Amino acid sequence: MPEIAIITGHSLKDGKAILDTHYLGRSTKLAVSAAAKLEHAAAATGTDGEQKLENNQIVPDAGRDK
């Protein structure tokens, strides 16, 4: 944030207020969207971090055997 404020000429306080108001506004809609994305990511990943395909086949990790 300090770099943005320097470029735009805003104070840190004003810059943070702008970001919070226009880009980081907290709302139920945003929370529901974030939760859905988290659940989707968790469902697409195996217990040890392996990526799964839609049919639950595990994608081989080429770097794992090295």
PDB file of N, CA and C in Angstrom:
ATOM      1  N   MET A   1       0.807  -1.190   0.000  1.00  0.00           N
ATOM      2  CA  MET A   1       0.000   0.000   0.000  1.00  0.00           C
ATOM      3  C   MET A   1       0.858   1.265   0.000  1.00  0.00           C
ATOM      4  N   PRO A   2       1.962   1.316   0.702  1.00  0.00           N
ATOM      5  CA  PRO A   2       2.759   2.545   0.684  1.00  0.00           C
ATOM      6  C   PRO A   2       3.199   2.950  -0.728  1.00  0.00           C
ATOM      7  N   GLU A   3       3.564   1.965  -1.560  1.00  0.00           N
ATOM      8  CA  GLU A   3       3.992   2.287  -2.917  1.00  0.00           C
ATOM      9  C   GLU A   3       2.851   2.893  -3.728  1.00  0.00           C
ATOM     10  N   ILE A   4       1.649   2.355  -3.567  1.00  0.00           N
ATOM     11  CA  ILE A   4       0.481   2.885  -4.277  1.00  0.00           C
ATOM     12  C   ILE A   4       0.214   4.314  -3.836  1.00  0.00           C
ATOM     13  N   ALA A   5       0.254   4.559  -2.535  1.00  0.00           N
ATOM     14  CA  ALA A   5      -0.015   5.905  -2.014  1.00  0.00           C
ATOM     15  C   ALA A   5       1.006   6.917  -2.531  1.00  0.00           C
ATOM     16  N   ILE A   6       2.249   6.513  -2.637  1.00  0.00           N
ATOM     17  CA  ILE A   6       3.280   7.423  -3.148  1.00  0.00           C
ATOM     18  C   ILE A   6       2.986   7.798  -4.600  1.00  0.00           C
ATOM     19  N   ILE A   7       2.619   6.812  -5.397  1.00  0.00           N
ATOM     20  CA  ILE A   7       2.348   7.075  -6.813  1.00  0.00           C
ATOM     21  C   ILE A   7       1.092   7.920  -6.992  1.00  0.00           C
ATOM     22  N   THR A   8       0.023   7.619  -6.235  1.00  0.00           N
ATOM     23  CA  THR A   8      -1.245   8.324  -6.428  1.00  0.00           C
ATOM     24  C   THR A   8      -1.312   9.653  -5.688  1.00  0.00           C
ATOM     25  N   GLY A   9      -0.431   9.842  -4.707  1.00  0.00           N
ATOM     26  CA  GLY A   9      -0.453  11.074  -3.930  1.00  0.00           C
ATOM     27  C   GLY A   9      -1.408  11.035  -2.751  1.00  0.00           C
ATOM     28  N   HIS A  10      -2.009   9.880  -2.482  1.00  0.00           N
ATOM     29  CA  HIS A  10      -2.906   9.740  -1.327  1.00  0.00           C
ATOM     30  C   HIS A  10      -2.097   9.471  -0.055  1.00  0.00           C
ATOM     31  N   SER A  11      -2.680   9.820   1.064  1.00  0.00           N
ATOM     32  CA  SER A  11      -2.065   9.416   2.332  1.00  0.00           C
ATOM     33  C   SER A  11      -2.321   7.920   2.509  1.00  0.00           C
ATOM     34  N   LEU A  12      -1.573   7.281   3.403  1.00  0.00           N
ATOM     35  CA  LEU A  12      -1.809   5.858   3.668  1.00  0.00           C
ATOM     36  C   LEU A  12      -3.229   5.632   4.161  1.00  0.00           C
ATOM     37  N   LYS A  13      -3.684   6.518   5.040  1.00  0.00           N
ATOM     38  CA  LYS A  13      -5.033   6.391   5.596  1.00  0.00           C
ATOM     39  C   LYS A  13      -6.080   6.470   4.483  1.00  0.00           C
ATOM     40  N   ASP A  14      -5.951   7.460   3.592  1.00  0.00           N
ATOM     41  CA  ASP A  14      -6.917   7.606   2.504  1.00  0.00           C
ATOM     42  C   ASP A  14      -6.819   6.442   1.519  1.00  0.00           C
ATOM     43  N   GLY A  15      -5.615   6.009   1.223  1.00  0.00           N
ATOM     44  CA  GLY A  15      -5.432   4.883   0.309  1.00  0.00           C
ATOM     45  C   GLY A  15      -6.079   3.617   0.838  1.00  0.00           C
ATOM     46  N   LYS A  16      -5.885   3.342   2.117  1.00  0.00           N
ATOM     47  CA  LYS A  16      -6.506   2.158   2.729  1.00  0.00           C
ATOM     48  C   LYS A  16      -8.023   2.278   2.722  1.00  0.00           C
ATOM     49  N   ALA A  17      -8.536   3.480   2.985  1.00  0.00           N
ATOM     50  CA  ALA A  17      -9.988   3.698   2.976  1.00  0.00           C
ATOM     51  C   ALA A  17     -10.560   3.466   1.575  1.00  0.00           C
ATOM     52  N   ILE A  18      -9.853   3.934   0.557  1.00  0.00           N
ATOM     53  CA  ILE A  18     -10.302   3.736  -0.825  1.00  0.00           C
ATOM     54  C   ILE A  18     -10.339   2.248  -1.168  1.00  0.00           C
ATOM     55  N   LEU A  19      -9.267   1.544  -0.845  1.00  0.00           N
ATOM     56  CA  LEU A  19      -9.230   0.105  -1.125  1.00  0.00           C
ATOM     57  C   LEU A  19     -10.338  -0.638  -0.387  1.00  0.00           C
ATOM     58  N   ASP A  20     -10.514  -0.306   0.880  1.00  0.00           N
ATOM     59  CA  ASP A  20     -11.534  -0.985   1.679  1.00  0.00           C
ATOM     60  C   ASP A  20     -12.931  -0.713   1.139  1.00  0.00           C
ATOM     61  N   THR A  21     -13.195   0.519   0.784  1.00  0.00           N
ATOM     62  CA  THR A  21     -14.527   0.903   0.317  1.00  0.00           C
ATOM     63  C   THR A  21     -14.848   0.320  -1.055  1.00  0.00           C
ATOM     64  N   HIS A  22     -13.897   0.396  -1.976  1.00  0.00           N
ATOM     65  CA  HIS A  22     -14.194   0.041  -3.361  1.00  0.00           C
ATOM     66  C   HIS A  22     -13.767  -1.360  -3.773  1.00  0.00           C
ATOM     67  N   TYR A  23     -12.805  -1.931  -3.089  1.00  0.00           N
ATOM     68  CA  TYR A  23     -12.280  -3.218  -3.538  1.00  0.00           C
ATOM     69  C   TYR A  23     -12.347  -4.323  -2.497  1.00  0.00           C
ATOM     70  N   LEU A  24     -12.373  -3.981  -1.235  1.00  0.00           N
ATOM     71  CA  LEU A  24     -12.353  -4.995  -0.191  1.00  0.00           C
ATOM     72  C   LEU A  24     -13.598  -4.930   0.677  1.00  0.00           C
ATOM     73  N   GLY A  25     -14.650  -4.343   0.146  1.00  0.00           N
ATOM     74  CA  GLY A  25     -15.888  -4.210   0.911  1.00  0.00           C
ATOM     75  C   GLY A  25     -16.365  -5.559   1.411  1.00  0.00           C
ATOM     76  N   ARG A  26     -16.659  -5.636   2.650  1.00  0.00           N
ATOM     77  CA  ARG A  26     -17.103  -6.884   3.246  1.00  0.00           C
ATOM     78  C   ARG A  26     -18.615  -6.996   3.072  1.00  0.00           C
ATOM     79  N   SER A  27     -19.039  -8.119   2.501  1.00  0.00           N
ATOM     80  CA  SER A  27     -20.461  -8.331   2.305  1.00  0.00           C
ATOM     81  C   SER A  27     -20.748  -9.826   2.357  1.00  0.00           C
ATOM     82  N   THR A  28     -22.001 -10.147   2.539  1.00  0.00           N
ATOM     83  CA  THR A  28     -22.406 -11.546   2.561  1.00  0.00           C
ATOM     84  C   THR A  28     -22.124 -12.192   1.207  1.00  0.00           C
ATOM     85  N   LYS A  29     -22.397 -11.466   0.125  1.00  0.00           N
ATOM     86  CA  LYS A  29     -22.165 -11.994  -1.213  1.00  0.00           C
ATOM     87  C   LYS A  29     -20.688 -12.344  -1.415  1.00  0.00           C
ATOM     88  N   LEU A  30     -19.795 -11.475  -0.967  1.00  0.00           N
ATOM     89  CA  LEU A  30     -18.361 -11.723  -1.091  1.00  0.00           C
ATOM     90  C   LEU A  30     -17.945 -12.920  -0.234  1.00  0.00           C
ATOM     91  N   ALA A  31     -18.491 -13.025   0.967  1.00  0.00           N
ATOM     92  CA  ALA A  31     -18.162 -14.138   1.859  1.00  0.00           C
ATOM     93  C   ALA A  31     -18.625 -15.471   1.271  1.00  0.00           C
ATOM     94  N   VAL A  32     -19.826 -15.489   0.708  1.00  0.00           N
ATOM     95  CA  VAL A  32     -20.351 -16.711   0.095  1.00  0.00           C
ATOM     96  C   VAL A  32     -19.489 -17.113  -1.098  1.00  0.00           C
ATOM     97  N   SER A  33     -19.084 -16.137  -1.904  1.00  0.00           N
ATOM     98  CA  SER A  33     -18.225 -16.412  -3.049  1.00  0.00           C
ATOM     99  C   SER A  33     -16.884 -16.987  -2.608  1.00  0.00           C
ATOM    100  N   ALA A  34     -16.286 -16.402  -1.577  1.00  0.00           N
ATOM    101  CA  ALA A  34     -14.995 -16.879  -1.074  1.00  0.00           C
ATOM    102  C   ALA A  34     -15.117 -18.303  -0.527  1.00  0.00           C
ATOM    103  N   ALA A  35     -16.188 -18.589   0.200  1.00  0.00           N
ATOM    104  CA  ALA A  35     -16.396 -19.925   0.760  1.00  0.00           C
ATOM    105  C   ALA A  35     -16.571 -20.953  -0.349  1.00  0.00           C
ATOM    106  N   ALA A  36     -17.308 -20.599  -1.399  1.00  0.00           N
ATOM    107  CA  ALA A  36     -17.518 -21.512  -2.519  1.00  0.00           C
ATOM    108  C   ALA A  36     -16.198 -21.816  -3.218  1.00  0.00           C
ATOM    109  N   LYS A  37     -15.361 -20.797  -3.401  1.00  0.00           N
ATOM    110  CA  LYS A  37     -14.060 -21.003  -4.039  1.00  0.00           C
ATOM    111  C   LYS A  37     -13.167 -21.894  -3.182  1.00  0.00           C
ATOM    112  N   LEU A  38     -13.207 -21.690  -1.875  1.00  0.00           N
ATOM    113  CA  LEU A  38     -12.410 -22.515  -0.966  1.00  0.00           C
ATOM    114  C   LEU A  38     -12.872 -23.967  -1.017  1.00  0.00           C
ATOM    115  N   GLU A  39     -14.181 -24.187  -0.997  1.00  0.00           N
ATOM    116  CA  GLU A  39     -14.716 -25.550  -1.071  1.00  0.00           C
ATOM    117  C   GLU A  39     -14.364 -26.203  -2.402  1.00  0.00           C
ATOM    118  N   HIS A  40     -14.435 -25.443  -3.487  1.00  0.00           N
ATOM    119  CA  HIS A  40     -14.095 -25.979  -4.801  1.00  0.00           C
ATOM    120  C   HIS A  40     -12.617 -26.387  -4.848  1.00  0.00           C
ATOM    121  N   ALA A  41     -11.757 -25.546  -4.303  1.00  0.00           N
ATOM    122  CA  ALA A  41     -10.322 -25.850  -4.286  1.00  0.00           C
ATOM    123  C   ALA A  41     -10.041 -27.081  -3.431  1.00  0.00           C
ATOM    124  N   ALA A  42     -10.732 -27.197  -2.300  1.00  0.00           N
ATOM    125  CA  ALA A  42     -10.529 -28.349  -1.420  1.00  0.00           C
ATOM    126  C   ALA A  42     -11.005 -29.632  -2.096  1.00  0.00           C
ATOM    127  N   ALA A  43     -12.104 -29.558  -2.833  1.00  0.00           N
ATOM    128  CA  ALA A  43     -12.632 -30.736  -3.513  1.00  0.00           C
ATOM    129  C   ALA A  43     -11.734 -31.166  -4.670  1.00  0.00           C
ATOM    130  N   ALA A  44     -11.000 -30.227  -5.257  1.00  0.00           N
ATOM    131  CA  ALA A  44     -10.143 -30.524  -6.405  1.00  0.00           C
ATOM    132  C   ALA A  44      -8.769 -31.015  -5.994  1.00  0.00           C
ATOM    133  N   THR A  45      -8.512 -31.092  -4.698  1.00  0.00           N
ATOM    134  CA  THR A  45      -7.200 -31.467  -4.199  1.00  0.00           C
ATOM    135  C   THR A  45      -7.326 -32.695  -3.302  1.00  0.00           C
ATOM    136  N   GLY A  46      -6.416 -33.628  -3.466  1.00  0.00           N
ATOM    137  CA  GLY A  46      -6.404 -34.804  -2.621  1.00  0.00           C
ATOM    138  C   GLY A  46      -5.897 -34.474  -1.227  1.00  0.00           C
ATOM    139  N   THR A  47      -5.911 -35.443  -0.344  1.00  0.00           N
ATOM    140  CA  THR A  47      -5.500 -35.213   1.038  1.00  0.00           C
ATOM    141  C   THR A  47      -4.030 -34.835   1.159  1.00  0.00           C
ATOM    142  N   ASP A  48      -3.214 -35.271   0.206  1.00  0.00           N
ATOM    143  CA  ASP A  48      -1.798 -34.922   0.265  1.00  0.00           C
ATOM    144  C   ASP A  48      -1.437 -33.853  -0.764  1.00  0.00           C
ATOM    145  N   GLY A  49      -2.445 -33.105  -1.232  1.00  0.00           N
ATOM    146  CA  GLY A  49      -2.189 -32.010  -2.153  1.00  0.00           C
ATOM    147  C   GLY A  49      -2.203 -32.396  -3.614  1.00  0.00           C
ATOM    148  N   GLU A  50      -2.517 -33.670  -3.916  1.00  0.00           N
ATOM    149  CA  GLU A  50      -2.575 -34.089  -5.308  1.00  0.00           C
ATOM    150  C   GLU A  50      -3.805 -33.487  -5.967  1.00  0.00           C
ATOM    151  N   GLN A  51      -3.644 -33.070  -7.201  1.00  0.00           N
ATOM    152  CA  GLN A  51      -4.775 -32.527  -7.948  1.00  0.00           C
ATOM    153  C   GLN A  51      -5.597 -33.679  -8.496  1.00  0.00           C
ATOM    154  N   LYS A  52      -6.935 -33.554  -8.434  1.00  0.00           N
ATOM    155  CA  LYS A  52      -7.822 -34.585  -8.958  1.00  0.00           C
ATOM    156  C   LYS A  52      -8.532 -34.087 -10.209  1.00  0.00           C
ATOM    157  N   LEU A  53      -8.832 -35.016 -11.090  1.00  0.00           N
ATOM    158  CA  LEU A  53      -9.636 -34.710 -12.263  1.00  0.00           C
ATOM    159  C   LEU A  53     -11.106 -34.800 -11.873  1.00  0.00           C
ATOM    160  N   GLU A  54     -11.999 -34.409 -12.785  1.00  0.00           N
ATOM    161  CA  GLU A  54     -13.428 -34.423 -12.474  1.00  0.00           C
ATOM    162  C   GLU A  54     -13.931 -35.813 -12.123  1.00  0.00           C
ATOM    163  N   ASN A  55     -13.348 -36.855 -12.678  1.00  0.00           N
ATOM    164  CA  ASN A  55     -13.783 -38.218 -12.385  1.00  0.00           C
ATOM    165  C   ASN A  55     -13.013 -38.821 -11.202  1.00  0.00           C
ATOM    166  N   ASN A  56     -12.394 -37.947 -10.409  1.00  0.00           N
ATOM    167  CA  ASN A  56     -11.649 -38.307  -9.197  1.00  0.00           C
ATOM    168  C   ASN A  56     -10.363 -39.079  -9.449  1.00  0.00           C
ATOM    169  N   GLN A  57      -9.884 -39.107 -10.712  1.00  0.00           N
ATOM    170  CA  GLN A  57      -8.574 -39.683 -10.966  1.00  0.00           C
ATOM    171  C   GLN A  57      -7.529 -38.668 -10.521  1.00  0.00           C
ATOM    172  N   ILE A  58      -6.433 -39.155  -9.998  1.00  0.00           N
ATOM    173  CA  ILE A  58      -5.372 -38.269  -9.510  1.00  0.00           C
ATOM    174  C   ILE A  58      -4.402 -37.957 -10.643  1.00  0.00           C
ATOM    175  N   VAL A  59      -4.042 -36.684 -10.769  1.00  0.00           N
ATOM    176  CA  VAL A  59      -3.082 -36.249 -11.767  1.00  0.00           C
ATOM    177  C   VAL A  59      -1.684 -36.553 -11.244  1.00  0.00           C
ATOM    178  N   PRO A  60      -0.887 -37.315 -11.989  1.00  0.00           N
ATOM    179  CA  PRO A  60       0.468 -37.633 -11.521  1.00  0.00           C
ATOM    180  C   PRO A  60       1.318 -36.370 -11.380  1.00  0.00           C
ATOM    181  N   ASP A  61       2.104 -36.333 -10.350  1.00  0.00           N
ATOM    182  CA  ASP A  61       3.014 -35.210 -10.127  1.00  0.00           C
ATOM    183  C   ASP A  61       4.379 -35.623 -10.650  1.00  0.00           C
ATOM    184  N   ALA A  62       4.766 -35.074 -11.789  1.00  0.00           N
ATOM    185  CA  ALA A  62       6.016 -35.467 -12.448  1.00  0.00           C
ATOM    186  C   ALA A  62       7.236 -35.208 -11.589  1.00  0.00           C
ATOM    187  N   GLY A  63       7.188 -34.186 -10.744  1.00  0.00           N
ATOM    188  CA  GLY A  63       8.339 -33.834  -9.930  1.00  0.00           C
ATOM    189  C   GLY A  63       8.471 -34.627  -8.651  1.00  0.00           C
ATOM    190  N   ARG A  64       7.473 -35.422  -8.331  1.00  0.00           N
ATOM    191  CA  ARG A  64       7.462 -36.127  -7.056  1.00  0.00           C
ATOM    192  C   ARG A  64       8.540 -37.212  -6.963  1.00  0.00           C
ATOM    193  N   ASP A  65       8.846 -37.887  -8.078  1.00  0.00           N
ATOM    194  CA  ASP A  65       9.795 -39.005  -8.045  1.00  0.00           C
ATOM    195  C   ASP A  65      11.251 -38.554  -8.075  1.00  0.00           C
ATOM    196  N   LYS A  66      11.483 -37.257  -8.215  1.00  0.00           N
ATOM    197  CA  LYS A  66      12.860 -36.772  -8.341  1.00  0.00           C
ATOM    198  C   LYS A  66      13.509 -36.626  -7.008  1.00  0.00           C
TER     199      LYS A  66
END
